[in-house]
Amino acid sequence: MPTIAEFDGIRVLMYYRDHDPAHFHIEYGETEALVRIADLSVIEGDVPARILRRALEWAKPRQAALALNWVKCRNHAAPDRL
């Protein structure tokens, strides 16, 4: 599972050939959440609220790049670091 970004102790990852809907994973310590790219809503999981806010602030201006990375991962190509 490629790490596409790391900041403030948060890791943002995508699995190769992962299930729909298009999403990314947030890992912080022992917690994890899956976030839908289209609307930045949490699909499942739980991270601390302040970590989720920070991750979504990071993701909002990068939604198009995240969507492109999703397509790359679905095609088993290396995603870009963001």
PDB file of N, CA and C in Angstrom:
ATOM      1  N   MET A   1       0.854  -1.174   0.000  1.00  0.00           N
ATOM      2  CA  MET A   1       0.000   0.000   0.000  1.00  0.00           C
ATOM      3  C   MET A   1       0.895   1.231   0.000  1.00  0.00           C
ATOM      4  N   PRO A   2       0.906   1.990  -1.088  1.00  0.00           N
ATOM      5  CA  PRO A   2       1.768   3.163  -1.164  1.00  0.00           C
ATOM      6  C   PRO A   2       1.326   4.297  -0.238  1.00  0.00           C
ATOM      7  N   THR A   3       2.304   4.894   0.411  1.00  0.00           N
ATOM      8  CA  THR A   3       2.067   6.120   1.174  1.00  0.00           C
ATOM      9  C   THR A   3       2.194   7.272   0.200  1.00  0.00           C
ATOM     10  N   ILE A   4       1.147   8.093   0.103  1.00  0.00           N
ATOM     11  CA  ILE A   4       1.198   9.209  -0.846  1.00  0.00           C
ATOM     12  C   ILE A   4       1.500  10.537  -0.162  1.00  0.00           C
ATOM     13  N   ALA A   5       1.376  10.574   1.172  1.00  0.00           N
ATOM     14  CA  ALA A   5       1.725  11.797   1.906  1.00  0.00           C
ATOM     15  C   ALA A   5       1.913  11.461   3.377  1.00  0.00           C
ATOM     16  N   GLU A   6       2.736  12.255   4.038  1.00  0.00           N
ATOM     17  CA  GLU A   6       2.934  12.172   5.478  1.00  0.00           C
ATOM     18  C   GLU A   6       3.106  13.579   6.009  1.00  0.00           C
ATOM     19  N   PHE A   7       2.353  13.911   7.044  1.00  0.00           N
ATOM     20  CA  PHE A   7       2.448  15.231   7.659  1.00  0.00           C
ATOM     21  C   PHE A   7       1.818  15.160   9.046  1.00  0.00           C
ATOM     22  N   ASP A   8       2.365  15.901   9.988  1.00  0.00           N
ATOM     23  CA  ASP A   8       1.812  16.000  11.342  1.00  0.00           C
ATOM     24  C   ASP A   8       1.521  14.639  11.976  1.00  0.00           C
ATOM     25  N   GLY A   9       2.311  13.639  11.655  1.00  0.00           N
ATOM     26  CA  GLY A   9       2.083  12.305  12.197  1.00  0.00           C
ATOM     27  C   GLY A   9       0.987  11.521  11.493  1.00  0.00           C
ATOM     28  N   ILE A  10       0.437  12.087  10.429  1.00  0.00           N
ATOM     29  CA  ILE A  10      -0.645  11.475   9.654  1.00  0.00           C
ATOM     30  C   ILE A  10      -0.038  10.856   8.398  1.00  0.00           C
ATOM     31  N   ARG A  11      -0.442   9.632   8.099  1.00  0.00           N
ATOM     32  CA  ARG A  11      -0.056   8.998   6.831  1.00  0.00           C
ATOM     33  C   ARG A  11      -1.293   8.878   5.958  1.00  0.00           C
ATOM     34  N   VAL A  12      -1.132   9.214   4.678  1.00  0.00           N
ATOM     35  CA  VAL A  12      -2.211   9.080   3.696  1.00  0.00           C
ATOM     36  C   VAL A  12      -1.769   8.006   2.717  1.00  0.00           C
ATOM     37  N   LEU A  13      -2.618   6.983   2.548  1.00  0.00           N
ATOM     38  CA  LEU A  13      -2.250   5.816   1.750  1.00  0.00           C
ATOM     39  C   LEU A  13      -3.370   5.434   0.796  1.00  0.00           C
ATOM     40  N   MET A  14      -3.006   4.676  -0.238  1.00  0.00           N
ATOM     41  CA  MET A  14      -3.972   4.055  -1.144  1.00  0.00           C
ATOM     42  C   MET A  14      -3.514   2.636  -1.417  1.00  0.00           C
ATOM     43  N   TYR A  15      -4.458   1.713  -1.457  1.00  0.00           N
ATOM     44  CA  TYR A  15      -4.161   0.331  -1.822  1.00  0.00           C
ATOM     45  C   TYR A  15      -4.212   0.194  -3.336  1.00  0.00           C
ATOM     46  N   TYR A  16      -3.366  -0.695  -3.880  1.00  0.00           N
ATOM     47  CA  TYR A  16      -3.491  -1.041  -5.289  1.00  0.00           C
ATOM     48  C   TYR A  16      -4.775  -1.841  -5.475  1.00  0.00           C
ATOM     49  N   ARG A  17      -5.508  -1.521  -6.544  1.00  0.00           N
ATOM     50  CA  ARG A  17      -6.728  -2.245  -6.921  1.00  0.00           C
ATOM     51  C   ARG A  17      -7.708  -2.390  -5.762  1.00  0.00           C
ATOM     52  N   ASP A  18      -7.909  -1.320  -5.027  1.00  0.00           N
ATOM     53  CA  ASP A  18      -8.830  -1.317  -3.883  1.00  0.00           C
ATOM     54  C   ASP A  18     -10.272  -1.271  -4.368  1.00  0.00           C
ATOM     55  N   HIS A  19     -11.206  -1.491  -3.467  1.00  0.00           N
ATOM     56  CA  HIS A  19     -12.640  -1.520  -3.771  1.00  0.00           C
ATOM     57  C   HIS A  19     -13.191  -0.112  -3.946  1.00  0.00           C
ATOM     58  N   ASP A  20     -14.293  -0.012  -4.681  1.00  0.00           N
ATOM     59  CA  ASP A  20     -15.016   1.260  -4.809  1.00  0.00           C
ATOM     60  C   ASP A  20     -15.775   1.528  -3.516  1.00  0.00           C
ATOM     61  N   PRO A  21     -16.125   2.766  -3.245  1.00  0.00           N
ATOM     62  CA  PRO A  21     -15.873   3.986  -4.020  1.00  0.00           C
ATOM     63  C   PRO A  21     -14.420   4.432  -3.880  1.00  0.00           C
ATOM     64  N   ALA A  22     -14.025   5.345  -4.784  1.00  0.00           N
ATOM     65  CA  ALA A  22     -12.666   5.883  -4.741  1.00  0.00           C
ATOM     66  C   ALA A  22     -12.420   6.524  -3.379  1.00  0.00           C
ATOM     67  N   HIS A  23     -11.325   6.114  -2.730  1.00  0.00           N
ATOM     68  CA  HIS A  23     -11.061   6.603  -1.379  1.00  0.00           C
ATOM     69  C   HIS A  23      -9.575   6.534  -1.059  1.00  0.00           C
ATOM     70  N   PHE A  24      -9.205   7.149   0.050  1.00  0.00           N
ATOM     71  CA  PHE A  24      -7.854   7.033   0.569  1.00  0.00           C
ATOM     72  C   PHE A  24      -7.942   6.678   2.045  1.00  0.00           C
ATOM     73  N   HIS A  25      -6.840   6.196   2.578  1.00  0.00           N
ATOM     74  CA  HIS A  25      -6.756   5.787   3.974  1.00  0.00           C
ATOM     75  C   HIS A  25      -5.965   6.829   4.747  1.00  0.00           C
ATOM     76  N   ILE A  26      -6.429   7.140   5.931  1.00  0.00           N
ATOM     77  CA  ILE A  26      -5.695   7.991   6.862  1.00  0.00           C
ATOM     78  C   ILE A  26      -5.275   7.106   8.019  1.00  0.00           C
ATOM     79  N   GLU A  27      -4.000   7.130   8.352  1.00  0.00           N
ATOM     80  CA  GLU A  27      -3.518   6.408   9.525  1.00  0.00           C
ATOM     81  C   GLU A  27      -2.879   7.403  10.480  1.00  0.00           C
ATOM     82  N   TYR A  28      -3.232   7.270  11.724  1.00  0.00           N
ATOM     83  CA  TYR A  28      -2.644   8.110  12.767  1.00  0.00           C
ATOM     84  C   TYR A  28      -2.491   7.235  14.000  1.00  0.00           C
ATOM     85  N   GLY A  29      -1.260   6.935  14.352  1.00  0.00           N
ATOM     86  CA  GLY A  29      -1.032   6.017  15.469  1.00  0.00           C
ATOM     87  C   GLY A  29      -1.669   4.673  15.159  1.00  0.00           C
ATOM     88  N   GLU A  30      -2.500   4.217  16.068  1.00  0.00           N
ATOM     89  CA  GLU A  30      -3.186   2.926  15.898  1.00  0.00           C
ATOM     90  C   GLU A  30      -4.564   3.076  15.260  1.00  0.00           C
ATOM     91  N   THR A  31      -4.924   4.297  14.837  1.00  0.00           N
ATOM     92  CA  THR A  31      -6.258   4.537  14.273  1.00  0.00           C
ATOM     93  C   THR A  31      -6.184   4.658  12.764  1.00  0.00           C
ATOM     94  N   GLU A  32      -7.314   4.395  12.123  1.00  0.00           N
ATOM     95  CA  GLU A  32      -7.400   4.475  10.664  1.00  0.00           C
ATOM     96  C   GLU A  32      -8.808   4.872  10.257  1.00  0.00           C
ATOM     97  N   ALA A  33      -8.908   5.593   9.145  1.00  0.00           N
ATOM     98  CA  ALA A  33     -10.204   5.911   8.557  1.00  0.00           C
ATOM     99  C   ALA A  33     -10.067   5.876   7.040  1.00  0.00           C
ATOM    100  N   LEU A  34     -11.164   5.558   6.368  1.00  0.00           N
ATOM    101  CA  LEU A  34     -11.236   5.592   4.914  1.00  0.00           C
ATOM    102  C   LEU A  34     -12.094   6.790   4.532  1.00  0.00           C
ATOM    103  N   VAL A  35     -11.602   7.600   3.592  1.00  0.00           N
ATOM    104  CA  VAL A  35     -12.276   8.836   3.201  1.00  0.00           C
ATOM    105  C   VAL A  35     -12.571   8.794   1.699  1.00  0.00           C
ATOM    106  N   ARG A  36     -13.845   8.981   1.359  1.00  0.00           N
ATOM    107  CA  ARG A  36     -14.267   9.027  -0.053  1.00  0.00           C
ATOM    108  C   ARG A  36     -13.688  10.292  -0.691  1.00  0.00           C
ATOM    109  N   ILE A  37     -13.089  10.149  -1.850  1.00  0.00           N
ATOM    110  CA  ILE A  37     -12.462  11.281  -2.524  1.00  0.00           C
ATOM    111  C   ILE A  37     -13.496  12.282  -3.031  1.00  0.00           C
ATOM    112  N   ALA A  38     -14.601  11.811  -3.562  1.00  0.00           N
ATOM    113  CA  ALA A  38     -15.592  12.696  -4.201  1.00  0.00           C
ATOM    114  C   ALA A  38     -16.129  13.769  -3.271  1.00  0.00           C
ATOM    115  N   ASP A  39     -16.421  13.401  -2.029  1.00  0.00           N
ATOM    116  CA  ASP A  39     -17.028  14.381  -1.113  1.00  0.00           C
ATOM    117  C   ASP A  39     -16.304  14.495   0.232  1.00  0.00           C
ATOM    118  N   LEU A  40     -15.160  13.814   0.340  1.00  0.00           N
ATOM    119  CA  LEU A  40     -14.340  13.831   1.555  1.00  0.00           C
ATOM    120  C   LEU A  40     -15.124  13.432   2.795  1.00  0.00           C
ATOM    121  N   SER A  41     -15.995  12.451   2.627  1.00  0.00           N
ATOM    122  CA  SER A  41     -16.740  11.925   3.781  1.00  0.00           C
ATOM    123  C   SER A  41     -16.076  10.643   4.256  1.00  0.00           C
ATOM    124  N   VAL A  42     -16.183  10.382   5.550  1.00  0.00           N
ATOM    125  CA  VAL A  42     -15.605   9.170   6.121  1.00  0.00           C
ATOM    126  C   VAL A  42     -16.500   7.990   5.768  1.00  0.00           C
ATOM    127  N   ILE A  43     -15.910   6.974   5.153  1.00  0.00           N
ATOM    128  CA  ILE A  43     -16.630   5.759   4.789  1.00  0.00           C
ATOM    129  C   ILE A  43     -16.671   4.800   5.969  1.00  0.00           C
ATOM    130  N   GLU A  44     -15.521   4.650   6.628  1.00  0.00           N
ATOM    131  CA  GLU A  44     -15.454   3.792   7.810  1.00  0.00           C
ATOM    132  C   GLU A  44     -14.210   4.136   8.591  1.00  0.00           C
ATOM    133  N   GLY A  45     -14.161   3.652   9.804  1.00  0.00           N
ATOM    134  CA  GLY A  45     -13.014   3.880  10.661  1.00  0.00           C
ATOM    135  C   GLY A  45     -13.212   5.088  11.553  1.00  0.00           C
ATOM    136  N   ASP A  46     -12.172   5.355  12.319  1.00  0.00           N
ATOM    137  CA  ASP A  46     -12.265   6.441  13.286  1.00  0.00           C
ATOM    138  C   ASP A  46     -10.867   6.931  13.627  1.00  0.00           C
ATOM    139  N   VAL A  47     -10.627   8.195  13.415  1.00  0.00           N
ATOM    140  CA  VAL A  47      -9.407   8.856  13.862  1.00  0.00           C
ATOM    141  C   VAL A  47      -9.848  10.026  14.746  1.00  0.00           C
ATOM    142  N   PRO A  48      -8.973  10.533  15.597  1.00  0.00           N
ATOM    143  CA  PRO A  48      -9.358  11.686  16.424  1.00  0.00           C
ATOM    144  C   PRO A  48      -9.874  12.838  15.565  1.00  0.00           C
ATOM    145  N   ALA A  49     -10.850  13.558  16.077  1.00  0.00           N
ATOM    146  CA  ALA A  49     -11.500  14.631  15.311  1.00  0.00           C
ATOM    147  C   ALA A  49     -10.503  15.661  14.793  1.00  0.00           C
ATOM    148  N   ARG A  50      -9.545  16.057  15.598  1.00  0.00           N
ATOM    149  CA  ARG A  50      -8.578  17.070  15.136  1.00  0.00           C
ATOM    150  C   ARG A  50      -7.708  16.528  14.009  1.00  0.00           C
ATOM    151  N   ILE A  51      -7.418  15.229  14.032  1.00  0.00           N
ATOM    152  CA  ILE A  51      -6.626  14.608  12.969  1.00  0.00           C
ATOM    153  C   ILE A  51      -7.444  14.537  11.689  1.00  0.00           C
ATOM    154  N   LEU A  52      -8.707  14.179  11.813  1.00  0.00           N
ATOM    155  CA  LEU A  52      -9.581  14.142  10.641  1.00  0.00           C
ATOM    156  C   LEU A  52      -9.693  15.530  10.023  1.00  0.00           C
ATOM    157  N   ARG A  53      -9.898  16.560  10.852  1.00  0.00           N
ATOM    158  CA  ARG A  53      -9.987  17.927  10.329  1.00  0.00           C
ATOM    159  C   ARG A  53      -8.724  18.300   9.568  1.00  0.00           C
ATOM    160  N   ARG A  54      -7.570  17.996  10.148  1.00  0.00           N
ATOM    161  CA  ARG A  54      -6.293  18.327   9.507  1.00  0.00           C
ATOM    162  C   ARG A  54      -6.134  17.575   8.189  1.00  0.00           C
ATOM    163  N   ALA A  55      -6.481  16.298   8.174  1.00  0.00           N
ATOM    164  CA  ALA A  55      -6.371  15.496   6.954  1.00  0.00           C
ATOM    165  C   ALA A  55      -7.317  16.018   5.871  1.00  0.00           C
ATOM    166  N   LEU A  56      -8.520  16.406   6.244  1.00  0.00           N
ATOM    167  CA  LEU A  56      -9.468  16.919   5.253  1.00  0.00           C
ATOM    168  C   LEU A  56      -9.044  18.282   4.734  1.00  0.00           C
ATOM    169  N   GLU A  57      -8.446  19.109   5.596  1.00  0.00           N
ATOM    170  CA  GLU A  57      -7.892  20.393   5.134  1.00  0.00           C
ATOM    171  C   GLU A  57      -6.807  20.148   4.085  1.00  0.00           C
ATOM    172  N   TRP A  58      -5.989  19.134   4.326  1.00  0.00           N
ATOM    173  CA  TRP A  58      -4.941  18.778   3.375  1.00  0.00           C
ATOM    174  C   TRP A  58      -5.558  18.255   2.072  1.00  0.00           C
ATOM    175  N   ALA A  59      -6.580  17.421   2.174  1.00  0.00           N
ATOM    176  CA  ALA A  59      -7.152  16.741   1.011  1.00  0.00           C
ATOM    177  C   ALA A  59      -7.960  17.655   0.101  1.00  0.00           C
ATOM    178  N   LYS A  60      -8.661  18.627   0.660  1.00  0.00           N
ATOM    179  CA  LYS A  60      -9.583  19.442  -0.140  1.00  0.00           C
ATOM    180  C   LYS A  60      -8.923  20.039  -1.387  1.00  0.00           C
ATOM    181  N   PRO A  61      -7.788  20.731  -1.281  1.00  0.00           N
ATOM    182  CA  PRO A  61      -7.195  21.287  -2.504  1.00  0.00           C
ATOM    183  C   PRO A  61      -6.513  20.238  -3.388  1.00  0.00           C
ATOM    184  N   ARG A  62      -6.492  18.994  -2.936  1.00  0.00           N
ATOM    185  CA  ARG A  62      -5.817  17.929  -3.676  1.00  0.00           C
ATOM    186  C   ARG A  62      -6.792  16.860  -4.195  1.00  0.00           C
ATOM    187  N   GLN A  63      -8.072  17.157  -4.191  1.00  0.00           N
ATOM    188  CA  GLN A  63      -9.051  16.145  -4.600  1.00  0.00           C
ATOM    189  C   GLN A  63      -8.805  15.627  -6.007  1.00  0.00           C
ATOM    190  N   ALA A  64      -8.485  16.505  -6.947  1.00  0.00           N
ATOM    191  CA  ALA A  64      -8.245  16.061  -8.321  1.00  0.00           C
ATOM    192  C   ALA A  64      -7.022  15.154  -8.380  1.00  0.00           C
ATOM    193  N   ALA A  65      -5.961  15.507  -7.679  1.00  0.00           N
ATOM    194  CA  ALA A  65      -4.751  14.682  -7.656  1.00  0.00           C
ATOM    195  C   ALA A  65      -5.022  13.347  -6.964  1.00  0.00           C
ATOM    196  N   LEU A  66      -5.833  13.353  -5.917  1.00  0.00           N
ATOM    197  CA  LEU A  66      -6.204  12.111  -5.244  1.00  0.00           C
ATOM    198  C   LEU A  66      -6.995  11.212  -6.196  1.00  0.00           C
ATOM    199  N   ALA A  67      -7.910  11.800  -6.966  1.00  0.00           N
ATOM    200  CA  ALA A  67      -8.700  11.024  -7.927  1.00  0.00           C
ATOM    201  C   ALA A  67      -7.794  10.412  -8.994  1.00  0.00           C
ATOM    202  N   LEU A  68      -6.818  11.161  -9.459  1.00  0.00           N
ATOM    203  CA  LEU A  68      -5.873  10.636 -10.439  1.00  0.00           C
ATOM    204  C   LEU A  68      -5.050   9.500  -9.828  1.00  0.00           C
ATOM    205  N   ASN A  69      -4.610   9.666  -8.593  1.00  0.00           N
ATOM    206  CA  ASN A  69      -3.877   8.601  -7.922  1.00  0.00           C
ATOM    207  C   ASN A  69      -4.735   7.350  -7.771  1.00  0.00           C
ATOM    208  N   TRP A  70      -6.022   7.533  -7.530  1.00  0.00           N
ATOM    209  CA  TRP A  70      -6.929   6.385  -7.418  1.00  0.00           C
ATOM    210  C   TRP A  70      -6.909   5.569  -8.718  1.00  0.00           C
ATOM    211  N   VAL A  71      -7.002   6.268  -9.849  1.00  0.00           N
ATOM    212  CA  VAL A  71      -6.991   5.593 -11.144  1.00  0.00           C
ATOM    213  C   VAL A  71      -5.657   4.876 -11.343  1.00  0.00           C
ATOM    214  N   LYS A  72      -4.568   5.519 -10.994  1.00  0.00           N
ATOM    215  CA  LYS A  72      -3.250   4.888 -11.128  1.00  0.00           C
ATOM    216  C   LYS A  72      -3.188   3.614 -10.295  1.00  0.00           C
ATOM    217  N   CYS A  73      -3.626   3.692  -9.039  1.00  0.00           N
ATOM    218  CA  CYS A  73      -3.583   2.512  -8.170  1.00  0.00           C
ATOM    219  C   CYS A  73      -4.483   1.402  -8.703  1.00  0.00           C
ATOM    220  N   ARG A  74      -5.642   1.760  -9.204  1.00  0.00           N
ATOM    221  CA  ARG A  74      -6.550   0.746  -9.762  1.00  0.00           C
ATOM    222  C   ARG A  74      -5.899   0.017 -10.927  1.00  0.00           C
ATOM    223  N   ASN A  75      -5.002   0.714 -11.631  1.00  0.00           N
ATOM    224  CA  ASN A  75      -4.290   0.122 -12.758  1.00  0.00           C
ATOM    225  C   ASN A  75      -2.922  -0.415 -12.351  1.00  0.00           C
ATOM    226  N   HIS A  76      -2.721  -0.526 -11.071  1.00  0.00           N
ATOM    227  CA  HIS A  76      -1.489  -1.057 -10.471  1.00  0.00           C
ATOM    228  C   HIS A  76      -0.250  -0.251 -10.897  1.00  0.00           C
ATOM    229  N   ALA A  77      -0.431   1.050 -11.065  1.00  0.00           N
ATOM    230  CA  ALA A  77       0.680   1.963 -11.356  1.00  0.00           C
ATOM    231  C   ALA A  77       1.006   2.732 -10.080  1.00  0.00           C
ATOM    232  N   ALA A  78       2.217   3.170  -9.974  1.00  0.00           N
ATOM    233  CA  ALA A  78       2.647   3.908  -8.776  1.00  0.00           C
ATOM    234  C   ALA A  78       1.970   5.276  -8.719  1.00  0.00           C
ATOM    235  N   PRO A  79       1.339   5.597  -7.589  1.00  0.00           N
ATOM    236  CA  PRO A  79       0.728   6.921  -7.431  1.00  0.00           C
ATOM    237  C   PRO A  79       1.793   7.975  -7.160  1.00  0.00           C
ATOM    238  N   ASP A  80       1.422   9.218  -7.377  1.00  0.00           N
ATOM    239  CA  ASP A  80       2.327  10.336  -7.097  1.00  0.00           C
ATOM    240  C   ASP A  80       2.327  10.653  -5.600  1.00  0.00           C
ATOM    241  N   ARG A  81       3.448  11.122  -5.087  1.00  0.00           N
ATOM    242  CA  ARG A  81       3.488  11.673  -3.728  1.00  0.00           C
ATOM    243  C   ARG A  81       2.835  13.055  -3.798  1.00  0.00           C
ATOM    244  N   LEU A  82       2.020  13.350  -2.830  1.00  0.00           N
ATOM    245  CA  LEU A  82       1.313  14.640  -2.836  1.00  0.00           C
ATOM    246  C   LEU A  82       1.749  15.502  -1.677  1.00  0.00           C
TER     247      LEU A  82
END
